Amino acid sequence: MAVLVAVSDSDEGTLALDAAVAEARRRGTGLLAANLRLAPLEVSHVPADVATTVLDREPDVEVGQHVLGLLERHRDEVELLVIGMKRRSPVGKLVLGSLAQFLLLNADVPVLAVKVPA
C-alpha cells in the first residue's frame, strides 16, 4: 500500500509532502510523490524508512489529469491522496482552488487536504 501526494511548487505543495511523509510513516506504507513542479522534486529530506518514488509529469499533461492517471495506474496500492490547499477567507471558502476541487471531486480514494498555518 502507499500514500500518493500531489506536490506543487508552492508552500502548500511542501506542506502536503511533509504531511504525506508523516501519514506514510504512521501507516507503514510507501510514498508516491506526484511531481507537479517544473523542476525536479527533491526528496532527500524524506526519512530513509519511507520508501519514496517520484513520479514526474509527462509534457503536455494537465496536472489534475496527471494525478488522476497516477491513481488509476496505482489503484491497487494507493490508499490515500494528500493535497495542499491555500487558506481562504469565509467568502473564498465557497470556491476551492480549481486543482484541489477537481481532485476532491474526482479521486476514488480518501483525500487528505492540508492547509498552511495562519
PDB file of N, CA and C in Angstrom:
ATOM      1  N   MET A   1       0.847  -1.175   0.000  1.00  0.00           N
ATOM      2  CA  MET A   1       0.000   0.000   0.000  1.00  0.00           C
ATOM      3  C   MET A   1       0.893   1.239   0.000  1.00  0.00           C
ATOM      4  N   ALA A   2       0.299   2.370  -0.390  1.00  0.00           N
ATOM      5  CA  ALA A   2       1.077   3.602  -0.491  1.00  0.00           C
ATOM      6  C   ALA A   2       0.184   4.823  -0.322  1.00  0.00           C
ATOM      7  N   VAL A   3       0.825   5.925   0.013  1.00  0.00           N
ATOM      8  CA  VAL A   3       0.199   7.233   0.054  1.00  0.00           C
ATOM      9  C   VAL A   3       0.692   7.978  -1.180  1.00  0.00           C
ATOM     10  N   LEU A   4      -0.236   8.605  -1.920  1.00  0.00           N
ATOM     11  CA  LEU A   4       0.111   9.427  -3.070  1.00  0.00           C
ATOM     12  C   LEU A   4      -0.032  10.880  -2.666  1.00  0.00           C
ATOM     13  N   VAL A   5       0.980  11.685  -2.961  1.00  0.00           N
ATOM     14  CA  VAL A   5       0.926  13.116  -2.653  1.00  0.00           C
ATOM     15  C   VAL A   5       1.141  13.915  -3.920  1.00  0.00           C
ATOM     16  N   ALA A   6       0.321  14.952  -4.098  1.00  0.00           N
ATOM     17  CA  ALA A   6       0.460  15.877  -5.218  1.00  0.00           C
ATOM     18  C   ALA A   6       1.319  17.044  -4.732  1.00  0.00           C
ATOM     19  N   VAL A   7       2.531  17.172  -5.281  1.00  0.00           N
ATOM     20  CA  VAL A   7       3.486  18.175  -4.800  1.00  0.00           C
ATOM     21  C   VAL A   7       3.632  19.288  -5.827  1.00  0.00           C
ATOM     22  N   SER A   8       3.012  20.429  -5.529  1.00  0.00           N
ATOM     23  CA  SER A   8       3.123  21.595  -6.407  1.00  0.00           C
ATOM     24  C   SER A   8       4.318  22.448  -5.968  1.00  0.00           C
ATOM     25  N   ASP A   9       4.625  23.440  -6.768  1.00  0.00           N
ATOM     26  CA  ASP A   9       5.756  24.334  -6.493  1.00  0.00           C
ATOM     27  C   ASP A   9       5.272  25.517  -5.645  1.00  0.00           C
ATOM     28  N   SER A  10       4.872  25.220  -4.405  1.00  0.00           N
ATOM     29  CA  SER A  10       4.318  26.238  -3.514  1.00  0.00           C
ATOM     30  C   SER A  10       4.492  25.785  -2.072  1.00  0.00           C
ATOM     31  N   ASP A  11       4.178  26.688  -1.146  1.00  0.00           N
ATOM     32  CA  ASP A  11       4.211  26.310   0.271  1.00  0.00           C
ATOM     33  C   ASP A  11       3.224  25.179   0.541  1.00  0.00           C
ATOM     34  N   GLU A  12       2.078  25.223  -0.149  1.00  0.00           N
ATOM     35  CA  GLU A  12       1.075  24.181   0.030  1.00  0.00           C
ATOM     36  C   GLU A  12       1.592  22.825  -0.440  1.00  0.00           C
ATOM     37  N   GLY A  13       2.357  22.812  -1.517  1.00  0.00           N
ATOM     38  CA  GLY A  13       2.937  21.565  -2.007  1.00  0.00           C
ATOM     39  C   GLY A  13       3.954  20.988  -1.039  1.00  0.00           C
ATOM     40  N   THR A  14       4.766  21.864  -0.464  1.00  0.00           N
ATOM     41  CA  THR A  14       5.756  21.422   0.521  1.00  0.00           C
ATOM     42  C   THR A  14       5.065  20.871   1.763  1.00  0.00           C
ATOM     43  N   LEU A  15       4.020  21.554   2.219  1.00  0.00           N
ATOM     44  CA  LEU A  15       3.260  21.091   3.377  1.00  0.00           C
ATOM     45  C   LEU A  15       2.594  19.744   3.087  1.00  0.00           C
ATOM     46  N   ALA A  16       2.049  19.595   1.880  1.00  0.00           N
ATOM     47  CA  ALA A  16       1.426  18.325   1.506  1.00  0.00           C
ATOM     48  C   ALA A  16       2.447  17.191   1.547  1.00  0.00           C
ATOM     49  N   LEU A  17       3.657  17.450   1.042  1.00  0.00           N
ATOM     50  CA  LEU A  17       4.703  16.428   1.068  1.00  0.00           C
ATOM     51  C   LEU A  17       5.048  16.045   2.498  1.00  0.00           C
ATOM     52  N   ASP A  18       5.209  17.030   3.366  1.00  0.00           N
ATOM     53  CA  ASP A  18       5.520  16.750   4.777  1.00  0.00           C
ATOM     54  C   ASP A  18       4.406  15.946   5.444  1.00  0.00           C
ATOM     55  N   ALA A  19       3.153  16.326   5.175  1.00  0.00           N
ATOM     56  CA  ALA A  19       2.015  15.602   5.750  1.00  0.00           C
ATOM     57  C   ALA A  19       1.947  14.180   5.218  1.00  0.00           C
ATOM     58  N   ALA A  20       2.242  14.004   3.942  1.00  0.00           N
ATOM     59  CA  ALA A  20       2.205  12.671   3.333  1.00  0.00           C
ATOM     60  C   ALA A  20       3.300  11.773   3.904  1.00  0.00           C
ATOM     61  N   VAL A  21       4.473  12.342   4.143  1.00  0.00           N
ATOM     62  CA  VAL A  21       5.557  11.569   4.763  1.00  0.00           C
ATOM     63  C   VAL A  21       5.112  11.083   6.139  1.00  0.00           C
ATOM     64  N   ALA A  22       4.523  11.984   6.931  1.00  0.00           N
ATOM     65  CA  ALA A  22       4.055  11.608   8.268  1.00  0.00           C
ATOM     66  C   ALA A  22       2.971  10.538   8.183  1.00  0.00           C
ATOM     67  N   GLU A  23       2.069  10.677   7.221  1.00  0.00           N
ATOM     68  CA  GLU A  23       0.985   9.708   7.065  1.00  0.00           C
ATOM     69  C   GLU A  23       1.516   8.356   6.600  1.00  0.00           C
ATOM     70  N   ALA A  24       2.481   8.348   5.688  1.00  0.00           N
ATOM     71  CA  ALA A  24       3.084   7.089   5.234  1.00  0.00           C
ATOM     72  C   ALA A  24       3.803   6.393   6.390  1.00  0.00           C
ATOM     73  N   ARG A  25       4.490   7.163   7.209  1.00  0.00           N
ATOM     74  CA  ARG A  25       5.175   6.566   8.373  1.00  0.00           C
ATOM     75  C   ARG A  25       4.162   5.982   9.339  1.00  0.00           C
ATOM     76  N   ARG A  26       3.080   6.725   9.593  1.00  0.00           N
ATOM     77  CA  ARG A  26       2.049   6.263  10.528  1.00  0.00           C
ATOM     78  C   ARG A  26       1.403   4.971  10.033  1.00  0.00           C
ATOM     79  N   ARG A  27       1.196   4.889   8.728  1.00  0.00           N
ATOM     80  CA  ARG A  27       0.550   3.711   8.138  1.00  0.00           C
ATOM     81  C   ARG A  27       1.532   2.582   7.827  1.00  0.00           C
ATOM     82  N   GLY A  28       2.825   2.885   7.840  1.00  0.00           N
ATOM     83  CA  GLY A  28       3.825   1.881   7.497  1.00  0.00           C
ATOM     84  C   GLY A  28       3.809   1.539   6.016  1.00  0.00           C
ATOM     85  N   THR A  29       3.563   2.554   5.163  1.00  0.00           N
ATOM     86  CA  THR A  29       3.478   2.332   3.726  1.00  0.00           C
ATOM     87  C   THR A  29       4.536   3.140   2.994  1.00  0.00           C
ATOM     88  N   GLY A  30       4.614   2.923   1.702  1.00  0.00           N
ATOM     89  CA  GLY A  30       5.487   3.715   0.861  1.00  0.00           C
ATOM     90  C   GLY A  30       4.829   5.027   0.478  1.00  0.00           C
ATOM     91  N   LEU A  31       5.597   5.858  -0.205  1.00  0.00           N
ATOM     92  CA  LEU A  31       5.131   7.176  -0.628  1.00  0.00           C
ATOM     93  C   LEU A  31       5.360   7.343  -2.124  1.00  0.00           C
ATOM     94  N   LEU A  32       4.295   7.710  -2.837  1.00  0.00           N
ATOM     95  CA  LEU A  32       4.392   8.058  -4.242  1.00  0.00           C
ATOM     96  C   LEU A  32       4.212   9.566  -4.329  1.00  0.00           C
ATOM     97  N   ALA A  33       5.203  10.265  -4.862  1.00  0.00           N
ATOM     98  CA  ALA A  33       5.171  11.720  -4.937  1.00  0.00           C
ATOM     99  C   ALA A  33       4.945  12.149  -6.378  1.00  0.00           C
ATOM    100  N   ALA A  34       3.757  12.696  -6.657  1.00  0.00           N
ATOM    101  CA  ALA A  34       3.435  13.206  -7.988  1.00  0.00           C
ATOM    102  C   ALA A  34       4.056  14.592  -8.112  1.00  0.00           C
ATOM    103  N   ASN A  35       5.103  14.698  -8.913  1.00  0.00           N
ATOM    104  CA  ASN A  35       5.811  15.964  -9.079  1.00  0.00           C
ATOM    105  C   ASN A  35       5.042  16.854 -10.053  1.00  0.00           C
ATOM    106  N   LEU A  36       4.411  17.908  -9.513  1.00  0.00           N
ATOM    107  CA  LEU A  36       3.675  18.857 -10.337  1.00  0.00           C
ATOM    108  C   LEU A  36       4.510  20.092 -10.634  1.00  0.00           C
ATOM    109  N   ARG A  37       5.745  20.094 -10.147  1.00  0.00           N
ATOM    110  CA  ARG A  37       6.649  21.232 -10.343  1.00  0.00           C
ATOM    111  C   ARG A  37       7.262  21.192 -11.734  1.00  0.00           C
ATOM    112  N   LEU A  38       7.824  22.324 -12.133  1.00  0.00           N
ATOM    113  CA  LEU A  38       8.530  22.388 -13.412  1.00  0.00           C
ATOM    114  C   LEU A  38       9.963  21.887 -13.278  1.00  0.00           C
ATOM    115  N   ALA A  39      10.441  21.797 -12.057  1.00  0.00           N
ATOM    116  CA  ALA A  39      11.808  21.355 -11.776  1.00  0.00           C
ATOM    117  C   ALA A  39      11.766  19.980 -11.101  1.00  0.00           C
ATOM    118  N   PRO A  40      12.908  19.299 -11.041  1.00  0.00           N
ATOM    119  CA  PRO A  40      12.947  18.018 -10.336  1.00  0.00           C
ATOM    120  C   PRO A  40      12.529  18.177  -8.879  1.00  0.00           C
ATOM    121  N   LEU A  41      11.883  17.171  -8.347  1.00  0.00           N
ATOM    122  CA  LEU A  41      11.419  17.180  -6.961  1.00  0.00           C
ATOM    123  C   LEU A  41      12.512  16.617  -6.063  1.00  0.00           C
ATOM    124  N   GLU A  42      12.934  17.399  -5.093  1.00  0.00           N
ATOM    125  CA  GLU A  42      13.977  16.999  -4.147  1.00  0.00           C
ATOM    126  C   GLU A  42      13.322  16.292  -2.960  1.00  0.00           C
ATOM    127  N   VAL A  43      13.690  15.052  -2.723  1.00  0.00           N
ATOM    128  CA  VAL A  43      13.107  14.292  -1.609  1.00  0.00           C
ATOM    129  C   VAL A  43      14.184  13.754  -0.666  1.00  0.00           C
ATOM    130  N   SER A  44      15.366  14.349  -0.700  1.00  0.00           N
ATOM    131  CA  SER A  44      16.449  13.862   0.154  1.00  0.00           C
ATOM    132  C   SER A  44      16.151  14.042   1.638  1.00  0.00           C
ATOM    133  N   HIS A  45      15.235  14.945   1.982  1.00  0.00           N
ATOM    134  CA  HIS A  45      14.883  15.166   3.391  1.00  0.00           C
ATOM    135  C   HIS A  45      13.887  14.135   3.914  1.00  0.00           C
ATOM    136  N   VAL A  46      13.321  13.324   3.021  1.00  0.00           N
ATOM    137  CA  VAL A  46      12.374  12.292   3.438  1.00  0.00           C
ATOM    138  C   VAL A  46      13.151  11.210   4.181  1.00  0.00           C
ATOM    139  N   PRO A  47      12.682  10.822   5.363  1.00  0.00           N
ATOM    140  CA  PRO A  47      13.396   9.793   6.129  1.00  0.00           C
ATOM    141  C   PRO A  47      13.589   8.503   5.335  1.00  0.00           C
ATOM    142  N   ALA A  48      14.704   7.852   5.578  1.00  0.00           N
ATOM    143  CA  ALA A  48      15.062   6.643   4.832  1.00  0.00           C
ATOM    144  C   ALA A  48      14.073   5.500   5.043  1.00  0.00           C
ATOM    145  N   ASP A  49      13.323   5.523   6.155  1.00  0.00           N
ATOM    146  CA  ASP A  49      12.383   4.430   6.405  1.00  0.00           C
ATOM    147  C   ASP A  49      11.076   4.575   5.611  1.00  0.00           C
ATOM    148  N   VAL A  50      10.942   5.655   4.838  1.00  0.00           N
ATOM    149  CA  VAL A  50       9.775   5.837   3.977  1.00  0.00           C
ATOM    150  C   VAL A  50      10.227   5.660   2.529  1.00  0.00           C
ATOM    151  N   ALA A  51       9.887   4.520   1.947  1.00  0.00           N
ATOM    152  CA  ALA A  51      10.256   4.248   0.555  1.00  0.00           C
ATOM    153  C   ALA A  51       9.508   5.234  -0.333  1.00  0.00           C
ATOM    154  N   THR A  52      10.256   6.077  -1.041  1.00  0.00           N
ATOM    155  CA  THR A  52       9.663   7.168  -1.816  1.00  0.00           C
ATOM    156  C   THR A  52       9.984   7.024  -3.290  1.00  0.00           C
ATOM    157  N   THR A  53       8.950   7.147  -4.112  1.00  0.00           N
ATOM    158  CA  THR A  53       9.108   7.135  -5.559  1.00  0.00           C
ATOM    159  C   THR A  53       8.546   8.436  -6.109  1.00  0.00           C
ATOM    160  N   VAL A  54       9.361   9.160  -6.866  1.00  0.00           N
ATOM    161  CA  VAL A  54       8.913  10.400  -7.507  1.00  0.00           C
ATOM    162  C   VAL A  54       8.373  10.057  -8.891  1.00  0.00           C
ATOM    163  N   LEU A  55       7.175  10.554  -9.178  1.00  0.00           N
ATOM    164  CA  LEU A  55       6.508  10.303 -10.454  1.00  0.00           C
ATOM    165  C   LEU A  55       6.364  11.638 -11.185  1.00  0.00           C
ATOM    166  N   ASP A  56       7.239  11.869 -12.151  1.00  0.00           N
ATOM    167  CA  ASP A  56       7.241  13.138 -12.881  1.00  0.00           C
ATOM    168  C   ASP A  56       6.098  13.189 -13.882  1.00  0.00           C
ATOM    169  N   ARG A  57       5.640  14.399 -14.132  1.00  0.00           N
ATOM    170  CA  ARG A  57       4.545  14.630 -15.070  1.00  0.00           C
ATOM    171  C   ARG A  57       5.085  14.631 -16.496  1.00  0.00           C
ATOM    172  N   GLU A  58       4.346  13.987 -17.384  1.00  0.00           N
ATOM    173  CA  GLU A  58       4.690  13.993 -18.804  1.00  0.00           C
ATOM    174  C   GLU A  58       4.416  15.384 -19.378  1.00  0.00           C
ATOM    175  N   PRO A  59       5.187  15.817 -20.359  1.00  0.00           N
ATOM    176  CA  PRO A  59       4.906  17.109 -21.001  1.00  0.00           C
ATOM    177  C   PRO A  59       3.492  17.110 -21.596  1.00  0.00           C
ATOM    178  N   ASP A  60       2.864  18.255 -21.555  1.00  0.00           N
ATOM    179  CA  ASP A  60       1.535  18.451 -22.136  1.00  0.00           C
ATOM    180  C   ASP A  60       0.420  17.678 -21.433  1.00  0.00           C
ATOM    181  N   VAL A  61       0.651  17.213 -20.213  1.00  0.00           N
ATOM    182  CA  VAL A  61      -0.405  16.571 -19.436  1.00  0.00           C
ATOM    183  C   VAL A  61      -0.816  17.537 -18.336  1.00  0.00           C
ATOM    184  N   GLU A  62      -2.100  17.858 -18.283  1.00  0.00           N
ATOM    185  CA  GLU A  62      -2.625  18.764 -17.268  1.00  0.00           C
ATOM    186  C   GLU A  62      -2.416  18.139 -15.887  1.00  0.00           C
ATOM    187  N   VAL A  63      -2.132  18.968 -14.874  1.00  0.00           N
ATOM    188  CA  VAL A  63      -1.739  18.440 -13.570  1.00  0.00           C
ATOM    189  C   VAL A  63      -2.819  17.580 -12.922  1.00  0.00           C
ATOM    190  N   GLY A  64      -4.073  17.997 -13.015  1.00  0.00           N
ATOM    191  CA  GLY A  64      -5.149  17.194 -12.435  1.00  0.00           C
ATOM    192  C   GLY A  64      -5.258  15.836 -13.101  1.00  0.00           C
ATOM    193  N   GLN A  65      -5.138  15.810 -14.419  1.00  0.00           N
ATOM    194  CA  GLN A  65      -5.190  14.544 -15.155  1.00  0.00           C
ATOM    195  C   GLN A  65      -3.993  13.661 -14.814  1.00  0.00           C
ATOM    196  N   HIS A  66      -2.840  14.303 -14.572  1.00  0.00           N
ATOM    197  CA  HIS A  66      -1.645  13.543 -14.175  1.00  0.00           C
ATOM    198  C   HIS A  66      -1.912  12.797 -12.867  1.00  0.00           C
ATOM    199  N   VAL A  67      -2.472  13.494 -11.882  1.00  0.00           N
ATOM    200  CA  VAL A  67      -2.731  12.870 -10.582  1.00  0.00           C
ATOM    201  C   VAL A  67      -3.783  11.778 -10.716  1.00  0.00           C
ATOM    202  N   LEU A  68      -4.864  12.051 -11.436  1.00  0.00           N
ATOM    203  CA  LEU A  68      -5.890  11.007 -11.619  1.00  0.00           C
ATOM    204  C   LEU A  68      -5.339   9.810 -12.381  1.00  0.00           C
ATOM    205  N   GLY A  69      -4.467  10.067 -13.353  1.00  0.00           N
ATOM    206  CA  GLY A  69      -3.829   8.970 -14.075  1.00  0.00           C
ATOM    207  C   GLY A  69      -2.969   8.113 -13.162  1.00  0.00           C
ATOM    208  N   LEU A  70      -2.271   8.756 -12.238  1.00  0.00           N
ATOM    209  CA  LEU A  70      -1.463   8.003 -11.277  1.00  0.00           C
ATOM    210  C   LEU A  70      -2.347   7.178 -10.354  1.00  0.00           C
ATOM    211  N   LEU A  71      -3.463   7.755  -9.928  1.00  0.00           N
ATOM    212  CA  LEU A  71      -4.400   6.990  -9.095  1.00  0.00           C
ATOM    213  C   LEU A  71      -4.895   5.761  -9.842  1.00  0.00           C
ATOM    214  N   GLU A  72      -5.156   5.916 -11.120  1.00  0.00           N
ATOM    215  CA  GLU A  72      -5.620   4.779 -11.920  1.00  0.00           C
ATOM    216  C   GLU A  72      -4.514   3.736 -12.093  1.00  0.00           C
ATOM    217  N   ARG A  73      -3.310   4.188 -12.450  1.00  0.00           N
ATOM    218  CA  ARG A  73      -2.199   3.241 -12.673  1.00  0.00           C
ATOM    219  C   ARG A  73      -1.780   2.518 -11.396  1.00  0.00           C
ATOM    220  N   HIS A  74      -1.955   3.163 -10.259  1.00  0.00           N
ATOM    221  CA  HIS A  74      -1.525   2.577  -8.982  1.00  0.00           C
ATOM    222  C   HIS A  74      -2.730   2.252  -8.096  1.00  0.00           C
ATOM    223  N   ARG A  75      -3.878   1.963  -8.711  1.00  0.00           N
ATOM    224  CA  ARG A  75      -5.121   1.785  -7.959  1.00  0.00           C
ATOM    225  C   ARG A  75      -5.058   0.645  -6.952  1.00  0.00           C
ATOM    226  N   ASP A  76      -4.216  -0.334  -7.192  1.00  0.00           N
ATOM    227  CA  ASP A  76      -4.128  -1.456  -6.264  1.00  0.00           C
ATOM    228  C   ASP A  76      -3.240  -1.174  -5.066  1.00  0.00           C
ATOM    229  N   GLU A  77      -2.544  -0.032  -5.074  1.00  0.00           N
ATOM    230  CA  GLU A  77      -1.666   0.259  -3.946  1.00  0.00           C
ATOM    231  C   GLU A  77      -1.945   1.575  -3.238  1.00  0.00           C
ATOM    232  N   VAL A  78      -2.551   2.562  -3.905  1.00  0.00           N
ATOM    233  CA  VAL A  78      -2.784   3.864  -3.265  1.00  0.00           C
ATOM    234  C   VAL A  78      -4.021   3.790  -2.378  1.00  0.00           C
ATOM    235  N   GLU A  79      -3.832   4.129  -1.107  1.00  0.00           N
ATOM    236  CA  GLU A  79      -4.949   4.133  -0.168  1.00  0.00           C
ATOM    237  C   GLU A  79      -5.328   5.541   0.287  1.00  0.00           C
ATOM    238  N   LEU A  80      -4.521   6.545  -0.058  1.00  0.00           N
ATOM    239  CA  LEU A  80      -4.796   7.911   0.363  1.00  0.00           C
ATOM    240  C   LEU A  80      -4.101   8.879  -0.579  1.00  0.00           C
ATOM    241  N   LEU A  81      -4.789   9.978  -0.912  1.00  0.00           N
ATOM    242  CA  LEU A  81      -4.216  11.071  -1.688  1.00  0.00           C
ATOM    243  C   LEU A  81      -4.083  12.271  -0.759  1.00  0.00           C
ATOM    244  N   VAL A  82      -2.909  12.897  -0.759  1.00  0.00           N
ATOM    245  CA  VAL A  82      -2.673  14.091   0.062  1.00  0.00           C
ATOM    246  C   VAL A  82      -2.461  15.278  -0.862  1.00  0.00           C
ATOM    247  N   ILE A  83      -3.195  16.369  -0.598  1.00  0.00           N
ATOM    248  CA  ILE A  83      -3.063  17.596  -1.391  1.00  0.00           C
ATOM    249  C   ILE A  83      -2.915  18.782  -0.443  1.00  0.00           C
ATOM    250  N   GLY A  84      -2.296  19.848  -0.931  1.00  0.00           N
ATOM    251  CA  GLY A  84      -2.191  21.091  -0.177  1.00  0.00           C
ATOM    252  C   GLY A  84      -3.225  22.079  -0.673  1.00  0.00           C
ATOM    253  N   MET A  85      -3.716  22.909   0.249  1.00  0.00           N
ATOM    254  CA  MET A  85      -4.713  23.922  -0.096  1.00  0.00           C
ATOM    255  C   MET A  85      -4.300  25.269   0.475  1.00  0.00           C
ATOM    256  N   LYS A  86      -4.694  26.324  -0.204  1.00  0.00           N
ATOM    257  CA  LYS A  86      -4.457  27.677   0.287  1.00  0.00           C
ATOM    258  C   LYS A  86      -5.491  28.009   1.354  1.00  0.00           C
ATOM    259  N   ARG A  87      -5.115  28.881   2.281  1.00  0.00           N
ATOM    260  CA  ARG A  87      -6.090  29.407   3.242  1.00  0.00           C
ATOM    261  C   ARG A  87      -7.034  30.323   2.504  1.00  0.00           C
ATOM    262  N   ARG A  88      -8.287  30.267   2.849  1.00  0.00           N
ATOM    263  CA  ARG A  88      -9.311  31.073   2.183  1.00  0.00           C
ATOM    264  C   ARG A  88     -10.067  31.925   3.196  1.00  0.00           C
ATOM    265  N   SER A  89     -10.562  33.048   2.718  1.00  0.00           N
ATOM    266  CA  SER A  89     -11.454  33.882   3.530  1.00  0.00           C
ATOM    267  C   SER A  89     -12.800  33.166   3.620  1.00  0.00           C
ATOM    268  N   PRO A  90     -13.692  33.610   4.509  1.00  0.00           N
ATOM    269  CA  PRO A  90     -15.013  32.967   4.578  1.00  0.00           C
ATOM    270  C   PRO A  90     -15.723  32.944   3.223  1.00  0.00           C
ATOM    271  N   VAL A  91     -15.622  34.012   2.466  1.00  0.00           N
ATOM    272  CA  VAL A  91     -16.247  34.032   1.139  1.00  0.00           C
ATOM    273  C   VAL A  91     -15.473  33.127   0.181  1.00  0.00           C
ATOM    274  N   GLY A  92     -14.163  33.153   0.271  1.00  0.00           N
ATOM    275  CA  GLY A  92     -13.331  32.342  -0.612  1.00  0.00           C
ATOM    276  C   GLY A  92     -13.510  30.852  -0.402  1.00  0.00           C
ATOM    277  N   LYS A  93     -14.017  30.460   0.778  1.00  0.00           N
ATOM    278  CA  LYS A  93     -14.237  29.042   1.041  1.00  0.00           C
ATOM    279  C   LYS A  93     -15.356  28.461   0.184  1.00  0.00           C
ATOM    280  N   LEU A  94     -16.170  29.333  -0.374  1.00  0.00           N
ATOM    281  CA  LEU A  94     -17.230  28.855  -1.261  1.00  0.00           C
ATOM    282  C   LEU A  94     -16.655  28.276  -2.539  1.00  0.00           C
ATOM    283  N   VAL A  95     -15.467  28.752  -2.920  1.00  0.00           N
ATOM    284  CA  VAL A  95     -14.827  28.292  -4.148  1.00  0.00           C
ATOM    285  C   VAL A  95     -13.426  27.801  -3.804  1.00  0.00           C
ATOM    286  N   LEU A  96     -13.202  26.523  -3.934  1.00  0.00           N
ATOM    287  CA  LEU A  96     -11.870  25.968  -3.695  1.00  0.00           C
ATOM    288  C   LEU A  96     -10.979  26.275  -4.887  1.00  0.00           C
ATOM    289  N   GLY A  97      -9.677  26.077  -4.713  1.00  0.00           N
ATOM    290  CA  GLY A  97      -8.787  26.166  -5.862  1.00  0.00           C
ATOM    291  C   GLY A  97      -9.201  25.128  -6.889  1.00  0.00           C
ATOM    292  N   SER A  98      -9.023  25.427  -8.145  1.00  0.00           N
ATOM    293  CA  SER A  98      -9.534  24.541  -9.190  1.00  0.00           C
ATOM    294  C   SER A  98      -8.909  23.147  -9.134  1.00  0.00           C
ATOM    295  N   LEU A  99      -7.605  23.054  -8.864  1.00  0.00           N
ATOM    296  CA  LEU A  99      -6.972  21.735  -8.787  1.00  0.00           C
ATOM    297  C   LEU A  99      -7.468  20.972  -7.565  1.00  0.00           C
ATOM    298  N   ALA A 100      -7.503  21.639  -6.410  1.00  0.00           N
ATOM    299  CA  ALA A 100      -7.981  20.977  -5.195  1.00  0.00           C
ATOM    300  C   ALA A 100      -9.416  20.483  -5.380  1.00  0.00           C
ATOM    301  N   GLN A 101     -10.260  21.326  -5.928  1.00  0.00           N
ATOM    302  CA  GLN A 101     -11.651  20.952  -6.136  1.00  0.00           C
ATOM    303  C   GLN A 101     -11.752  19.775  -7.114  1.00  0.00           C
ATOM    304  N   PHE A 102     -11.003  19.832  -8.192  1.00  0.00           N
ATOM    305  CA  PHE A 102     -11.005  18.762  -9.186  1.00  0.00           C
ATOM    306  C   PHE A 102     -10.618  17.427  -8.554  1.00  0.00           C
ATOM    307  N   LEU A 103      -9.554  17.443  -7.743  1.00  0.00           N
ATOM    308  CA  LEU A 103      -9.084  16.195  -7.132  1.00  0.00           C
ATOM    309  C   LEU A 103     -10.045  15.697  -6.065  1.00  0.00           C
ATOM    310  N   LEU A 104     -10.583  16.613  -5.263  1.00  0.00           N
ATOM    311  CA  LEU A 104     -11.547  16.199  -4.237  1.00  0.00           C
ATOM    312  C   LEU A 104     -12.781  15.557  -4.857  1.00  0.00           C
ATOM    313  N   LEU A 105     -13.230  16.096  -5.974  1.00  0.00           N
ATOM    314  CA  LEU A 105     -14.441  15.583  -6.612  1.00  0.00           C
ATOM    315  C   LEU A 105     -14.209  14.332  -7.451  1.00  0.00           C
ATOM    316  N   ASN A 106     -12.992  14.117  -7.929  1.00  0.00           N
ATOM    317  CA  ASN A 106     -12.756  13.022  -8.871  1.00  0.00           C
ATOM    318  C   ASN A 106     -11.907  11.876  -8.347  1.00  0.00           C
ATOM    319  N   ALA A 107     -11.214  12.061  -7.254  1.00  0.00           N
ATOM    320  CA  ALA A 107     -10.370  10.983  -6.722  1.00  0.00           C
ATOM    321  C   ALA A 107     -11.260   9.868  -6.173  1.00  0.00           C
ATOM    322  N   ASP A 108     -10.872   8.631  -6.439  1.00  0.00           N
ATOM    323  CA  ASP A 108     -11.657   7.497  -5.948  1.00  0.00           C
ATOM    324  C   ASP A 108     -11.058   6.868  -4.695  1.00  0.00           C
ATOM    325  N   VAL A 109     -10.197   7.626  -4.014  1.00  0.00           N
ATOM    326  CA  VAL A 109      -9.639   7.224  -2.727  1.00  0.00           C
ATOM    327  C   VAL A 109      -9.865   8.375  -1.745  1.00  0.00           C
ATOM    328  N   PRO A 110      -9.756   8.128  -0.447  1.00  0.00           N
ATOM    329  CA  PRO A 110      -9.863   9.229   0.501  1.00  0.00           C
ATOM    330  C   PRO A 110      -8.795  10.289   0.215  1.00  0.00           C
ATOM    331  N   VAL A 111      -9.148  11.563   0.458  1.00  0.00           N
ATOM    332  CA  VAL A 111      -8.248  12.679   0.223  1.00  0.00           C
ATOM    333  C   VAL A 111      -8.016  13.422   1.527  1.00  0.00           C
ATOM    334  N   LEU A 112      -6.744  13.627   1.846  1.00  0.00           N
ATOM    335  CA  LEU A 112      -6.348  14.450   2.996  1.00  0.00           C
ATOM    336  C   LEU A 112      -5.896  15.794   2.447  1.00  0.00           C
ATOM    337  N   ALA A 113      -6.643  16.865   2.781  1.00  0.00           N
ATOM    338  CA  ALA A 113      -6.307  18.211   2.329  1.00  0.00           C
ATOM    339  C   ALA A 113      -5.706  18.964   3.502  1.00  0.00           C
ATOM    340  N   VAL A 114      -4.476  19.481   3.321  1.00  0.00           N
ATOM    341  CA  VAL A 114      -3.794  20.200   4.387  1.00  0.00           C
ATOM    342  C   VAL A 114      -3.612  21.665   3.990  1.00  0.00           C
ATOM    343  N   LYS A 115      -3.679  22.544   5.016  1.00  0.00           N
ATOM    344  CA  LYS A 115      -3.546  23.988   4.779  1.00  0.00           C
ATOM    345  C   LYS A 115      -2.335  24.518   5.524  1.00  0.00           C
ATOM    346  N   VAL A 116      -1.721  25.534   4.938  1.00  0.00           N
ATOM    347  CA  VAL A 116      -0.608  26.222   5.583  1.00  0.00           C
ATOM    348  C   VAL A 116      -1.146  26.946   6.800  1.00  0.00           C
ATOM    349  N   PRO A 117      -0.493  26.817   7.969  1.00  0.00           N
ATOM    350  CA  PRO A 117      -0.986  27.501   9.173  1.00  0.00           C
ATOM    351  C   PRO A 117      -1.055  29.017   8.961  1.00  0.00           C
ATOM    352  N   ALA A 118      -2.012  29.629   9.638  1.00  0.00           N
ATOM    353  CA  ALA A 118      -2.191  31.081   9.523  1.00  0.00           C
ATOM    354  C   ALA A 118      -1.032  31.833  10.134  1.00  0.00           C
TER     355      ALA A 118
END
